[in-house]
Amino acid sequence: MEKTKVLYEGKAKIMYETDEPGKLIVYFKDDATAGNGAKKGTIEGKGSINNEMSAFFFKMLKDHGINSHFVEKINDREMVVKSLDMIALEVIVRNVAAGSLAKRLGFPEGTPLKTPVLEYCYKNDELGDPIVNRYHIMVLDVASVNELDEIEHISFSVNQILSNFLRSKNINLIDFKLEFGRDENGKIVLADEISPDNCRFWDITTNEKLDKDRFRRDMGGVEEAYQEMLKRVTA
């Protein structure tokens, strides 16, 4: 398989078209941003860690019956994925109050939620990826009611699977972001990545943050946190 041209370059990844129809190559970068790009930097080794961790989680989810765009990991920083018609939504699942939710609802950060909370953000850089609800999504014609039902079912299933697994590694899954697309048959498929970039991971015993919040909040020890997460997940 050969790369042909850059299809898209984002803050953390580059997507390449290939000479095989329906397949793309994703390259994971060390670049890091926060605050909608207001803060920029580099996390040494992040690309290879996120690539390996995402591949691990996608394989594990497949074993539990959840399909994703993942095909195979081909080197330290690249994986092959299926080409999808991406849905312009970020799906956020929260188990514990942290980040923007803690601020919006006035909960002390670290407060366990009585039930997992699912939120949608409309992926639009010019608008700053605003929070939207089902009615907004239907007005925007981003996804149908049936598709949203499927997205929510998959998201809560992923939450249960990952939470149970990570608990065995002494990690609390605080919250995470997912993205979805439609395959050639119009079926909803999990996409993007699952890594410290788009998940909050806290040590159960100490509440130490082992994710991108260390970069966002200038806490230091960012590379070490990513390395620790990979070590625990794949051990």
C-alpha atoms as a PDB file:
ATOM      1  CA  MET A   1       0.000   0.000   0.000  1.00  0.00           C
ATOM      2  CA  GLU A   2       1.330   3.424  -0.983  1.00  0.00           C
ATOM      3  CA  LYS A   3       0.331   6.932   0.075  1.00  0.00           C
ATOM      4  CA  THR A   4      -0.860   9.094  -2.788  1.00  0.00           C
ATOM      5  CA  LYS A   5      -1.702  12.529  -1.366  1.00  0.00           C
ATOM      6  CA  VAL A   6      -2.622  14.321   1.843  1.00  0.00           C
ATOM      7  CA  LEU A   7      -6.377  14.212   2.280  1.00  0.00           C
ATOM      8  CA  TYR A   8      -6.493  16.202   5.514  1.00  0.00           C
ATOM      9  CA  GLU A   9      -4.114  17.535   8.161  1.00  0.00           C
ATOM     10  CA  GLY A  10      -5.463  18.300  11.606  1.00  0.00           C
ATOM     11  CA  LYS A  11      -3.976  19.338  14.922  1.00  0.00           C
ATOM     12  CA  ALA A  12      -2.749  15.858  15.847  1.00  0.00           C
ATOM     13  CA  LYS A  13      -2.995  13.677  12.742  1.00  0.00           C
ATOM     14  CA  ILE A  14      -2.430  13.617   8.985  1.00  0.00           C
ATOM     15  CA  MET A  15      -4.774  11.592   6.765  1.00  0.00           C
ATOM     16  CA  TYR A  16      -3.395  10.214   3.490  1.00  0.00           C
ATOM     17  CA  GLU A  17      -5.197   8.740   0.527  1.00  0.00           C
ATOM     18  CA  THR A  18      -3.709   5.471  -0.719  1.00  0.00           C
ATOM     19  CA  ASP A  19      -3.570   3.425  -3.903  1.00  0.00           C
ATOM     20  CA  GLU A  20      -6.081   0.983  -2.388  1.00  0.00           C
ATOM     21  CA  PRO A  21      -9.704   2.113  -2.799  1.00  0.00           C
ATOM     22  CA  GLY A  22     -11.552   2.628   0.466  1.00  0.00           C
ATOM     23  CA  LYS A  23      -8.410   2.672   2.635  1.00  0.00           C
ATOM     24  CA  LEU A  24      -6.513   5.568   4.180  1.00  0.00           C
ATOM     25  CA  ILE A  25      -3.337   5.908   6.222  1.00  0.00           C
ATOM     26  CA  VAL A  26      -3.388   7.960   9.430  1.00  0.00           C
ATOM     27  CA  TYR A  27      -0.126   9.483  10.689  1.00  0.00           C
ATOM     28  CA  PHE A  28      -0.068  10.472  14.380  1.00  0.00           C
ATOM     29  CA  LYS A  29       1.914  13.636  15.153  1.00  0.00           C
ATOM     30  CA  ASP A  30       3.676  14.806  18.308  1.00  0.00           C
ATOM     31  CA  ASP A  31       2.060  18.242  17.926  1.00  0.00           C
ATOM     32  CA  ALA A  32      -0.263  19.232  20.761  1.00  0.00           C
ATOM     33  CA  THR A  33      -2.842  22.010  21.018  1.00  0.00           C
ATOM     34  CA  ALA A  34      -5.308  23.192  23.643  1.00  0.00           C
ATOM     35  CA  GLY A  35      -8.006  25.835  23.923  1.00  0.00           C
ATOM     36  CA  ASN A  36      -9.121  25.439  20.284  1.00  0.00           C
ATOM     37  CA  GLY A  37      -5.551  25.932  19.111  1.00  0.00           C
ATOM     38  CA  ALA A  38      -4.716  28.888  21.387  1.00  0.00           C
ATOM     39  CA  LYS A  39      -1.955  26.880  23.051  1.00  0.00           C
ATOM     40  CA  LYS A  40       0.501  24.935  20.920  1.00  0.00           C
ATOM     41  CA  GLY A  41       3.394  22.672  21.741  1.00  0.00           C
ATOM     42  CA  THR A  42       4.990  19.274  21.299  1.00  0.00           C
ATOM     43  CA  ILE A  43       4.685  16.147  23.413  1.00  0.00           C
ATOM     44  CA  GLU A  44       7.676  13.970  22.618  1.00  0.00           C
ATOM     45  CA  GLY A  45       6.620  10.470  21.520  1.00  0.00           C
ATOM     46  CA  LYS A  46       2.900  11.239  21.689  1.00  0.00           C
ATOM     47  CA  GLY A  47       2.240  10.171  18.104  1.00  0.00           C
ATOM     48  CA  SER A  48       3.596   6.671  18.511  1.00  0.00           C
ATOM     49  CA  ILE A  49       1.885   6.232  21.906  1.00  0.00           C
ATOM     50  CA  ASN A  50      -1.507   7.360  20.592  1.00  0.00           C
ATOM     51  CA  ASN A  51      -1.146   5.144  17.527  1.00  0.00           C
ATOM     52  CA  GLU A  52      -0.342   2.054  19.584  1.00  0.00           C
ATOM     53  CA  MET A  53      -2.964   2.731  22.242  1.00  0.00           C
ATOM     54  CA  SER A  54      -5.703   3.427  19.693  1.00  0.00           C
ATOM     55  CA  ALA A  55      -4.868   0.231  17.811  1.00  0.00           C
ATOM     56  CA  PHE A  56      -5.019  -1.703  21.094  1.00  0.00           C
ATOM     57  CA  PHE A  57      -8.413  -0.280  22.064  1.00  0.00           C
ATOM     58  CA  PHE A  58      -9.931  -0.684  18.588  1.00  0.00           C
ATOM     59  CA  LYS A  59      -8.903  -4.355  18.560  1.00  0.00           C
ATOM     60  CA  MET A  60     -10.343  -4.868  22.043  1.00  0.00           C
ATOM     61  CA  LEU A  61     -13.626  -3.194  21.099  1.00  0.00           C
ATOM     62  CA  LYS A  62     -13.873  -5.360  17.986  1.00  0.00           C
ATOM     63  CA  ASP A  63     -13.613  -8.420  20.230  1.00  0.00           C
ATOM     64  CA  HIS A  64     -16.691  -7.039  22.015  1.00  0.00           C
ATOM     65  CA  GLY A  65     -18.630  -6.598  18.778  1.00  0.00           C
ATOM     66  CA  ILE A  66     -17.974  -2.892  18.139  1.00  0.00           C
ATOM     67  CA  ASN A  67     -16.772  -2.068  14.642  1.00  0.00           C
ATOM     68  CA  SER A  68     -14.380   0.791  13.948  1.00  0.00           C
ATOM     69  CA  HIS A  69     -12.512   2.211  10.991  1.00  0.00           C
ATOM     70  CA  PHE A  70      -9.306   0.482  12.183  1.00  0.00           C
ATOM     71  CA  VAL A  71      -7.727  -2.028   9.784  1.00  0.00           C
ATOM     72  CA  GLU A  72      -4.147  -2.486  10.986  1.00  0.00           C
ATOM     73  CA  LYS A  73      -1.174  -0.730  12.564  1.00  0.00           C
ATOM     74  CA  ILE A  74       1.645  -0.607  10.014  1.00  0.00           C
ATOM     75  CA  ASN A  75       4.425   1.150  11.960  1.00  0.00           C
ATOM     76  CA  ASP A  76       5.051   3.159  15.120  1.00  0.00           C
ATOM     77  CA  ARG A  77       3.150   6.215  13.913  1.00  0.00           C
ATOM     78  CA  GLU A  78       0.763   4.984  11.227  1.00  0.00           C
ATOM     79  CA  MET A  79      -2.333   2.843  10.917  1.00  0.00           C
ATOM     80  CA  VAL A  80      -4.546   1.855   7.996  1.00  0.00           C
ATOM     81  CA  VAL A  81      -8.210   2.768   8.366  1.00  0.00           C
ATOM     82  CA  LYS A  82     -11.356   2.455   6.286  1.00  0.00           C
ATOM     83  CA  SER A  83     -12.522   5.536   4.455  1.00  0.00           C
ATOM     84  CA  LEU A  84     -15.770   6.810   5.974  1.00  0.00           C
ATOM     85  CA  ASP A  85     -18.270   9.577   5.384  1.00  0.00           C
ATOM     86  CA  MET A  86     -17.512  11.367   8.643  1.00  0.00           C
ATOM     87  CA  ILE A  87     -20.334  12.776  10.768  1.00  0.00           C
ATOM     88  CA  ALA A  88     -19.613  16.339  11.932  1.00  0.00           C
ATOM     89  CA  LEU A  89     -20.110  15.586  15.623  1.00  0.00           C
ATOM     90  CA  GLU A  90     -17.932  15.040  18.649  1.00  0.00           C
ATOM     91  CA  VAL A  91     -19.603  12.679  21.107  1.00  0.00           C
ATOM     92  CA  ILE A  92     -18.475  13.182  24.696  1.00  0.00           C
ATOM     93  CA  VAL A  93     -19.250  10.637  27.413  1.00  0.00           C
ATOM     94  CA  ARG A  94     -18.667  11.733  31.006  1.00  0.00           C
ATOM     95  CA  ASN A  95     -18.548   9.585  34.149  1.00  0.00           C
ATOM     96  CA  VAL A  96     -17.029  12.117  36.537  1.00  0.00           C
ATOM     97  CA  ALA A  97     -17.317  15.916  36.568  1.00  0.00           C
ATOM     98  CA  ALA A  98     -14.183  17.467  35.080  1.00  0.00           C
ATOM     99  CA  GLY A  99     -13.174  20.201  32.677  1.00  0.00           C
ATOM    100  CA  SER A 100     -15.968  22.203  31.084  1.00  0.00           C
ATOM    101  CA  LEU A 101     -18.773  20.131  32.654  1.00  0.00           C
ATOM    102  CA  ALA A 102     -17.565  20.884  36.174  1.00  0.00           C
ATOM    103  CA  LYS A 103     -17.529  24.603  35.333  1.00  0.00           C
ATOM    104  CA  ARG A 104     -20.923  24.621  33.610  1.00  0.00           C
ATOM    105  CA  LEU A 105     -22.781  22.691  36.319  1.00  0.00           C
ATOM    106  CA  GLY A 106     -20.845  24.007  39.295  1.00  0.00           C
ATOM    107  CA  PHE A 107     -19.655  20.593  40.437  1.00  0.00           C
ATOM    108  CA  PRO A 108     -16.293  20.241  42.178  1.00  0.00           C
ATOM    109  CA  GLU A 109     -13.935  18.511  39.771  1.00  0.00           C
ATOM    110  CA  GLY A 110     -13.845  14.797  40.563  1.00  0.00           C
ATOM    111  CA  THR A 111     -17.510  14.519  41.542  1.00  0.00           C
ATOM    112  CA  PRO A 112     -18.865  11.135  40.340  1.00  0.00           C
ATOM    113  CA  LEU A 113     -21.983  11.555  38.201  1.00  0.00           C
ATOM    114  CA  LYS A 114     -25.133   9.616  39.108  1.00  0.00           C
ATOM    115  CA  THR A 115     -25.363   8.439  35.502  1.00  0.00           C
ATOM    116  CA  PRO A 116     -23.027   8.749  32.522  1.00  0.00           C
ATOM    117  CA  VAL A 117     -23.678  11.986  30.635  1.00  0.00           C
ATOM    118  CA  LEU A 118     -23.532  12.139  26.829  1.00  0.00           C
ATOM    119  CA  GLU A 119     -22.991  15.453  25.060  1.00  0.00           C
ATOM    120  CA  TYR A 120     -22.665  16.454  21.414  1.00  0.00           C
ATOM    121  CA  CYS A 121     -20.471  19.142  19.896  1.00  0.00           C
ATOM    122  CA  TYR A 122     -20.932  20.310  16.313  1.00  0.00           C
ATOM    123  CA  LYS A 123     -17.553  20.034  14.550  1.00  0.00           C
ATOM    124  CA  ASN A 124     -17.112  23.473  13.023  1.00  0.00           C
ATOM    125  CA  ASP A 125     -13.868  25.370  13.575  1.00  0.00           C
ATOM    126  CA  GLU A 126     -15.372  28.747  12.685  1.00  0.00           C
ATOM    127  CA  LEU A 127     -18.056  28.314  15.359  1.00  0.00           C
ATOM    128  CA  GLY A 128     -15.685  26.856  17.946  1.00  0.00           C
ATOM    129  CA  ASP A 129     -17.315  23.394  18.007  1.00  0.00           C
ATOM    130  CA  PRO A 130     -20.426  24.460  19.979  1.00  0.00           C
ATOM    131  CA  ILE A 131     -22.417  22.117  22.212  1.00  0.00           C
ATOM    132  CA  VAL A 132     -25.617  21.009  20.457  1.00  0.00           C
ATOM    133  CA  ASN A 133     -28.575  18.756  21.241  1.00  0.00           C
ATOM    134  CA  ARG A 134     -30.588  16.335  19.121  1.00  0.00           C
ATOM    135  CA  TYR A 135     -32.862  19.086  17.810  1.00  0.00           C
ATOM    136  CA  HIS A 136     -29.921  21.206  16.682  1.00  0.00           C
ATOM    137  CA  ILE A 137     -28.409  18.164  14.977  1.00  0.00           C
ATOM    138  CA  MET A 138     -31.620  17.468  13.060  1.00  0.00           C
ATOM    139  CA  VAL A 139     -31.940  21.128  12.032  1.00  0.00           C
ATOM    140  CA  LEU A 140     -28.327  21.062  10.831  1.00  0.00           C
ATOM    141  CA  ASP A 141     -29.075  17.788   8.985  1.00  0.00           C
ATOM    142  CA  VAL A 142     -25.916  16.245  10.425  1.00  0.00           C
ATOM    143  CA  ALA A 143     -27.451  12.908  11.446  1.00  0.00           C
ATOM    144  CA  SER A 144     -30.860  11.261  11.598  1.00  0.00           C
ATOM    145  CA  VAL A 145     -32.725  10.229  14.747  1.00  0.00           C
ATOM    146  CA  ASN A 146     -31.980   6.564  14.038  1.00  0.00           C
ATOM    147  CA  GLU A 147     -28.287   7.344  13.550  1.00  0.00           C
ATOM    148  CA  LEU A 148     -28.180   9.244  16.834  1.00  0.00           C
ATOM    149  CA  ASP A 149     -29.819   6.278  18.573  1.00  0.00           C
ATOM    150  CA  GLU A 150     -27.087   4.023  17.182  1.00  0.00           C
ATOM    151  CA  ILE A 151     -24.310   6.489  18.057  1.00  0.00           C
ATOM    152  CA  GLU A 152     -25.549   6.708  21.652  1.00  0.00           C
ATOM    153  CA  HIS A 153     -25.881   2.931  21.963  1.00  0.00           C
ATOM    154  CA  ILE A 154     -22.311   2.411  20.710  1.00  0.00           C
ATOM    155  CA  SER A 155     -20.946   5.237  22.876  1.00  0.00           C
ATOM    156  CA  PHE A 156     -22.415   3.870  26.102  1.00  0.00           C
ATOM    157  CA  SER A 157     -21.221   0.371  25.175  1.00  0.00           C
ATOM    158  CA  VAL A 158     -17.705   1.687  24.600  1.00  0.00           C
ATOM    159  CA  ASN A 159     -17.884   3.456  27.955  1.00  0.00           C
ATOM    160  CA  GLN A 160     -18.802   0.247  29.765  1.00  0.00           C
ATOM    161  CA  ILE A 161     -16.123  -1.828  28.038  1.00  0.00           C
ATOM    162  CA  LEU A 162     -13.327   0.702  28.517  1.00  0.00           C
ATOM    163  CA  SER A 163     -14.307   1.541  32.101  1.00  0.00           C
ATOM    164  CA  ASN A 164     -14.270  -2.111  33.135  1.00  0.00           C
ATOM    165  CA  PHE A 165     -10.939  -2.756  31.445  1.00  0.00           C
ATOM    166  CA  LEU A 166      -9.238   0.380  32.776  1.00  0.00           C
ATOM    167  CA  ARG A 167     -10.474  -0.276  36.294  1.00  0.00           C
ATOM    168  CA  SER A 168      -8.429  -3.475  36.210  1.00  0.00           C
ATOM    169  CA  LYS A 169      -5.402  -1.270  35.470  1.00  0.00           C
ATOM    170  CA  ASN A 170      -6.180   1.043  38.424  1.00  0.00           C
ATOM    171  CA  ILE A 171      -7.372   3.759  36.032  1.00  0.00           C
ATOM    172  CA  ASN A 172     -10.626   5.707  36.303  1.00  0.00           C
ATOM    173  CA  LEU A 173     -12.117   6.684  32.927  1.00  0.00           C
ATOM    174  CA  ILE A 174     -13.305  10.209  33.719  1.00  0.00           C
ATOM    175  CA  ASP A 175     -14.581  11.145  30.249  1.00  0.00           C
ATOM    176  CA  PHE A 176     -13.723  10.728  26.580  1.00  0.00           C
ATOM    177  CA  LYS A 177     -14.559  11.932  23.088  1.00  0.00           C
ATOM    178  CA  LEU A 178     -15.592   9.753  20.149  1.00  0.00           C
ATOM    179  CA  GLU A 179     -16.212  10.413  16.469  1.00  0.00           C
ATOM    180  CA  PHE A 180     -18.242   8.379  13.988  1.00  0.00           C
ATOM    181  CA  GLY A 181     -18.705   7.955  10.255  1.00  0.00           C
ATOM    182  CA  ARG A 182     -20.818   6.044   7.757  1.00  0.00           C
ATOM    183  CA  ASP A 183     -19.332   3.152   5.787  1.00  0.00           C
ATOM    184  CA  GLU A 184     -20.159   2.324   2.154  1.00  0.00           C
ATOM    185  CA  ASN A 185     -23.411   0.716   3.306  1.00  0.00           C
ATOM    186  CA  GLY A 186     -24.444   3.684   5.442  1.00  0.00           C
ATOM    187  CA  LYS A 187     -23.700   1.834   8.680  1.00  0.00           C
ATOM    188  CA  ILE A 188     -22.482   3.846  11.683  1.00  0.00           C
ATOM    189  CA  VAL A 189     -18.836   3.048  12.467  1.00  0.00           C
ATOM    190  CA  LEU A 190     -16.545   4.259  15.269  1.00  0.00           C
ATOM    191  CA  ALA A 191     -13.624   6.377  14.046  1.00  0.00           C
ATOM    192  CA  ASP A 192     -10.846   8.804  15.129  1.00  0.00           C
ATOM    193  CA  GLU A 193      -8.707   7.589  18.078  1.00  0.00           C
ATOM    194  CA  ILE A 194      -8.832   6.528  21.733  1.00  0.00           C
ATOM    195  CA  SER A 195      -5.848   7.922  23.590  1.00  0.00           C
ATOM    196  CA  PRO A 196      -4.721  10.369  26.307  1.00  0.00           C
ATOM    197  CA  ASP A 197      -5.405  13.124  23.756  1.00  0.00           C
ATOM    198  CA  ASN A 198      -9.175  12.623  23.806  1.00  0.00           C
ATOM    199  CA  CYS A 199      -9.746  10.820  27.122  1.00  0.00           C
ATOM    200  CA  ARG A 200      -9.293  11.785  30.745  1.00  0.00           C
ATOM    201  CA  PHE A 201      -7.513   9.030  32.672  1.00  0.00           C
ATOM    202  CA  TRP A 202      -6.973   9.337  36.448  1.00  0.00           C
ATOM    203  CA  ASP A 203      -5.144   6.941  38.719  1.00  0.00           C
ATOM    204  CA  ILE A 204      -7.811   5.426  40.984  1.00  0.00           C
ATOM    205  CA  THR A 205      -5.618   5.510  44.100  1.00  0.00           C
ATOM    206  CA  THR A 206      -4.051   8.970  43.791  1.00  0.00           C
ATOM    207  CA  ASN A 207      -6.303  10.797  41.246  1.00  0.00           C
ATOM    208  CA  GLU A 208      -3.113  11.642  39.337  1.00  0.00           C
ATOM    209  CA  LYS A 209      -3.970  12.835  35.833  1.00  0.00           C
ATOM    210  CA  LEU A 210      -2.473  10.641  33.098  1.00  0.00           C
ATOM    211  CA  ASP A 211      -3.708  12.492  30.027  1.00  0.00           C
ATOM    212  CA  LYS A 212      -3.550  15.710  27.991  1.00  0.00           C
ATOM    213  CA  ASP A 213      -4.798  17.809  30.908  1.00  0.00           C
ATOM    214  CA  ARG A 214      -1.196  17.851  32.098  1.00  0.00           C
ATOM    215  CA  PHE A 215      -0.361  19.786  28.907  1.00  0.00           C
ATOM    216  CA  ARG A 216      -3.500  21.963  28.982  1.00  0.00           C
ATOM    217  CA  ARG A 217      -2.879  23.038  32.584  1.00  0.00           C
ATOM    218  CA  ASP A 218       0.947  23.264  32.506  1.00  0.00           C
ATOM    219  CA  MET A 219       1.235  20.566  35.137  1.00  0.00           C
ATOM    220  CA  GLY A 220       4.482  19.062  33.820  1.00  0.00           C
ATOM    221  CA  GLY A 221       5.249  15.370  33.472  1.00  0.00           C
ATOM    222  CA  VAL A 222       3.263  15.158  30.247  1.00  0.00           C
ATOM    223  CA  GLU A 223       5.463  12.667  28.389  1.00  0.00           C
ATOM    224  CA  GLU A 224       5.751  10.522  31.512  1.00  0.00           C
ATOM    225  CA  ALA A 225       1.956  10.414  31.895  1.00  0.00           C
ATOM    226  CA  TYR A 226       1.459   9.253  28.307  1.00  0.00           C
ATOM    227  CA  GLN A 227       4.160   6.616  28.724  1.00  0.00           C
ATOM    228  CA  GLU A 228       2.604   5.400  31.976  1.00  0.00           C
ATOM    229  CA  MET A 229      -0.807   5.033  30.340  1.00  0.00           C
ATOM    230  CA  LEU A 230       0.618   2.995  27.474  1.00  0.00           C
ATOM    231  CA  LYS A 231       2.533   0.812  29.918  1.00  0.00           C
ATOM    232  CA  ARG A 232      -0.582   0.076  31.999  1.00  0.00           C
ATOM    233  CA  VAL A 233      -2.902  -0.470  29.051  1.00  0.00           C
ATOM    234  CA  THR A 234      -0.659  -2.844  27.130  1.00  0.00           C
ATOM    235  CA  ALA A 235       0.974  -4.655  30.070  1.00  0.00           C
END
